[in-house]
C-alpha cells in the first residue's frame, strides 16, 4: 500500500474519531458547553496538522468556529474536509 493511501485512510479514521469526540458534548449534559470551549482550539489545531496548506488553514478556522457555536457540533467537519480533500478535489484536478 502506498504512503499516500496510508495517509488517506489514517486521516479518515482520525477524522471520524475527532468528529465523535466533538459530538460527545451532546451526550454529557451540563458540561457540554464548557467542553466545547476547550475542544474548539484543540480541534482547529488538529485540523491544521491533518491537512496542510490552505485547505488545512481554512478547515481549522471553520472547525474552531463550528465547535464554539452551540448546537453546531453535529456537523462532521473533519469528515467533510476528508471528503473534500480526497474525493472532490481529486475529481476537480482530474478535469483540468
C-alpha atoms as a PDB file:
ATOM      1  CA  UNK A   1       0.000   0.000   0.000  1.00  0.00           C
ATOM      2  CA  UNK A   2       1.402   3.392  -0.941  1.00  0.00           C
ATOM      3  CA  UNK A   3       2.223   6.062   1.599  1.00  0.00           C
ATOM      4  CA  UNK A   4      -0.433   8.407   0.174  1.00  0.00           C
ATOM      5  CA  UNK A   5      -3.088   5.724   0.590  1.00  0.00           C
ATOM      6  CA  UNK A   6      -1.936   5.109   4.180  1.00  0.00           C
ATOM      7  CA  UNK A   7      -2.311   8.831   4.956  1.00  0.00           C
ATOM      8  CA  UNK A   8      -5.703   8.862   3.281  1.00  0.00           C
ATOM      9  CA  UNK A   9      -7.151   6.145   5.496  1.00  0.00           C
ATOM     10  CA  UNK A  10      -5.313   7.347   8.597  1.00  0.00           C
ATOM     11  CA  UNK A  11      -6.859  10.798   8.113  1.00  0.00           C
ATOM     12  CA  UNK A  12     -10.296   9.244   7.619  1.00  0.00           C
ATOM     13  CA  UNK A  13     -10.010   7.208  10.824  1.00  0.00           C
ATOM     14  CA  UNK A  14      -8.681  10.165  12.833  1.00  0.00           C
ATOM     15  CA  UNK A  15     -11.344  12.444  11.349  1.00  0.00           C
ATOM     16  CA  UNK A  16     -14.130  10.089  12.378  1.00  0.00           C
ATOM     17  CA  UNK A  17     -12.601   9.816  15.848  1.00  0.00           C
ATOM     18  CA  UNK A  18     -12.249  13.596  16.249  1.00  0.00           C
ATOM     19  CA  UNK A  19     -15.810  14.169  14.973  1.00  0.00           C
ATOM     20  CA  UNK A  20     -17.050  11.674  17.566  1.00  0.00           C
ATOM     21  CA  UNK A  21     -15.113  13.485  20.298  1.00  0.00           C
ATOM     22  CA  UNK A  22     -16.645  16.783  19.176  1.00  0.00           C
ATOM     23  CA  UNK A  23     -20.143  15.304  19.365  1.00  0.00           C
ATOM     24  CA  UNK A  24     -19.631  13.993  22.909  1.00  0.00           C
ATOM     25  CA  UNK A  25     -20.839  17.292  24.350  1.00  0.00           C
ATOM     26  CA  UNK A  26     -24.385  16.268  23.384  1.00  0.00           C
ATOM     27  CA  UNK A  27     -24.038  13.063  25.395  1.00  0.00           C
ATOM     28  CA  UNK A  28     -22.910  14.735  28.623  1.00  0.00           C
ATOM     29  CA  UNK A  29     -25.476  17.387  29.622  1.00  0.00           C
ATOM     30  CA  UNK A  30     -24.258  20.351  31.627  1.00  0.00           C
ATOM     31  CA  UNK A  31     -20.575  20.168  30.811  1.00  0.00           C
ATOM     32  CA  UNK A  32     -21.085  20.112  27.053  1.00  0.00           C
ATOM     33  CA  UNK A  33     -20.815  23.872  26.603  1.00  0.00           C
ATOM     34  CA  UNK A  34     -17.707  24.024  28.771  1.00  0.00           C
ATOM     35  CA  UNK A  35     -16.075  21.152  26.932  1.00  0.00           C
ATOM     36  CA  UNK A  36     -16.682  22.937  23.613  1.00  0.00           C
ATOM     37  CA  UNK A  37     -14.627  25.903  24.822  1.00  0.00           C
ATOM     38  CA  UNK A  38     -11.713  23.544  25.448  1.00  0.00           C
ATOM     39  CA  UNK A  39     -12.251  21.341  22.383  1.00  0.00           C
ATOM     40  CA  UNK A  40     -12.632  24.181  19.819  1.00  0.00           C
ATOM     41  CA  UNK A  41      -8.981  25.352  19.763  1.00  0.00           C
ATOM     42  CA  UNK A  42      -7.715  21.771  20.018  1.00  0.00           C
ATOM     43  CA  UNK A  43      -9.899  20.688  17.085  1.00  0.00           C
ATOM     44  CA  UNK A  44      -8.787  23.662  14.998  1.00  0.00           C
ATOM     45  CA  UNK A  45      -5.135  22.876  15.687  1.00  0.00           C
ATOM     46  CA  UNK A  46      -5.623  19.172  14.906  1.00  0.00           C
ATOM     47  CA  UNK A  47      -7.266  20.065  11.607  1.00  0.00           C
ATOM     48  CA  UNK A  48      -4.245  22.131  10.564  1.00  0.00           C
ATOM     49  CA  UNK A  49      -1.979  19.165  11.378  1.00  0.00           C
ATOM     50  CA  UNK A  50      -4.049  16.636   9.431  1.00  0.00           C
ATOM     51  CA  UNK A  51      -4.451  18.778   6.316  1.00  0.00           C
ATOM     52  CA  UNK A  52      -1.616  21.020   5.187  1.00  0.00           C
ATOM     53  CA  UNK A  53      -1.790  24.236   3.198  1.00  0.00           C
ATOM     54  CA  UNK A  54      -4.806  26.422   2.568  1.00  0.00           C
ATOM     55  CA  UNK A  55      -7.256  23.560   2.986  1.00  0.00           C
ATOM     56  CA  UNK A  56      -5.952  22.862   6.492  1.00  0.00           C
ATOM     57  CA  UNK A  57      -5.906  26.522   7.477  1.00  0.00           C
ATOM     58  CA  UNK A  58      -9.434  27.184   6.228  1.00  0.00           C
ATOM     59  CA  UNK A  59     -10.761  23.960   7.734  1.00  0.00           C
ATOM     60  CA  UNK A  60      -9.049  24.770  11.039  1.00  0.00           C
ATOM     61  CA  UNK A  61     -10.818  28.131  11.241  1.00  0.00           C
ATOM     62  CA  UNK A  62     -14.155  26.609  10.267  1.00  0.00           C
ATOM     63  CA  UNK A  63     -13.719  23.806  12.806  1.00  0.00           C
ATOM     64  CA  UNK A  64     -12.823  26.274  15.553  1.00  0.00           C
ATOM     65  CA  UNK A  65     -15.898  28.411  14.845  1.00  0.00           C
ATOM     66  CA  UNK A  66     -18.184  25.393  14.437  1.00  0.00           C
ATOM     67  CA  UNK A  67     -17.169  23.949  17.795  1.00  0.00           C
ATOM     68  CA  UNK A  68     -17.703  27.271  19.593  1.00  0.00           C
ATOM     69  CA  UNK A  69     -21.231  27.839  18.280  1.00  0.00           C
ATOM     70  CA  UNK A  70     -23.759  25.954  20.433  1.00  0.00           C
ATOM     71  CA  UNK A  71     -25.692  23.257  18.590  1.00  0.00           C
ATOM     72  CA  UNK A  72     -23.318  23.045  15.637  1.00  0.00           C
ATOM     73  CA  UNK A  73     -21.432  20.013  16.957  1.00  0.00           C
ATOM     74  CA  UNK A  74     -23.449  17.707  14.729  1.00  0.00           C
ATOM     75  CA  UNK A  75     -21.537  18.883  11.646  1.00  0.00           C
ATOM     76  CA  UNK A  76     -18.753  16.349  10.968  1.00  0.00           C
ATOM     77  CA  UNK A  77     -16.155  18.917   9.919  1.00  0.00           C
ATOM     78  CA  UNK A  78     -13.199  16.518   9.914  1.00  0.00           C
ATOM     79  CA  UNK A  79     -15.061  14.028   7.726  1.00  0.00           C
ATOM     80  CA  UNK A  80     -16.276  16.749   5.360  1.00  0.00           C
ATOM     81  CA  UNK A  81     -12.707  18.003   4.978  1.00  0.00           C
ATOM     82  CA  UNK A  82     -11.557  14.452   4.201  1.00  0.00           C
ATOM     83  CA  UNK A  83     -14.275  14.154   1.526  1.00  0.00           C
ATOM     84  CA  UNK A  84     -13.236  17.472   0.010  1.00  0.00           C
ATOM     85  CA  UNK A  85      -9.519  16.641   0.092  1.00  0.00           C
ATOM     86  CA  UNK A  86      -9.575  13.064  -1.159  1.00  0.00           C
ATOM     87  CA  UNK A  87     -12.726  12.866  -3.273  1.00  0.00           C
ATOM     88  CA  UNK A  88     -13.875  16.257  -4.536  1.00  0.00           C
ATOM     89  CA  UNK A  89     -10.548  17.984  -5.148  1.00  0.00           C
ATOM     90  CA  UNK A  90      -9.182  14.871  -6.914  1.00  0.00           C
ATOM     91  CA  UNK A  91     -12.093  14.982  -9.366  1.00  0.00           C
ATOM     92  CA  UNK A  92     -11.622  18.711  -9.845  1.00  0.00           C
ATOM     93  CA  UNK A  93      -7.902  18.366 -10.628  1.00  0.00           C
ATOM     94  CA  UNK A  94      -8.576  15.413 -12.971  1.00  0.00           C
ATOM     95  CA  UNK A  95     -10.860  17.603 -15.134  1.00  0.00           C
ATOM     96  CA  UNK A  96      -8.208  20.276 -15.711  1.00  0.00           C
END
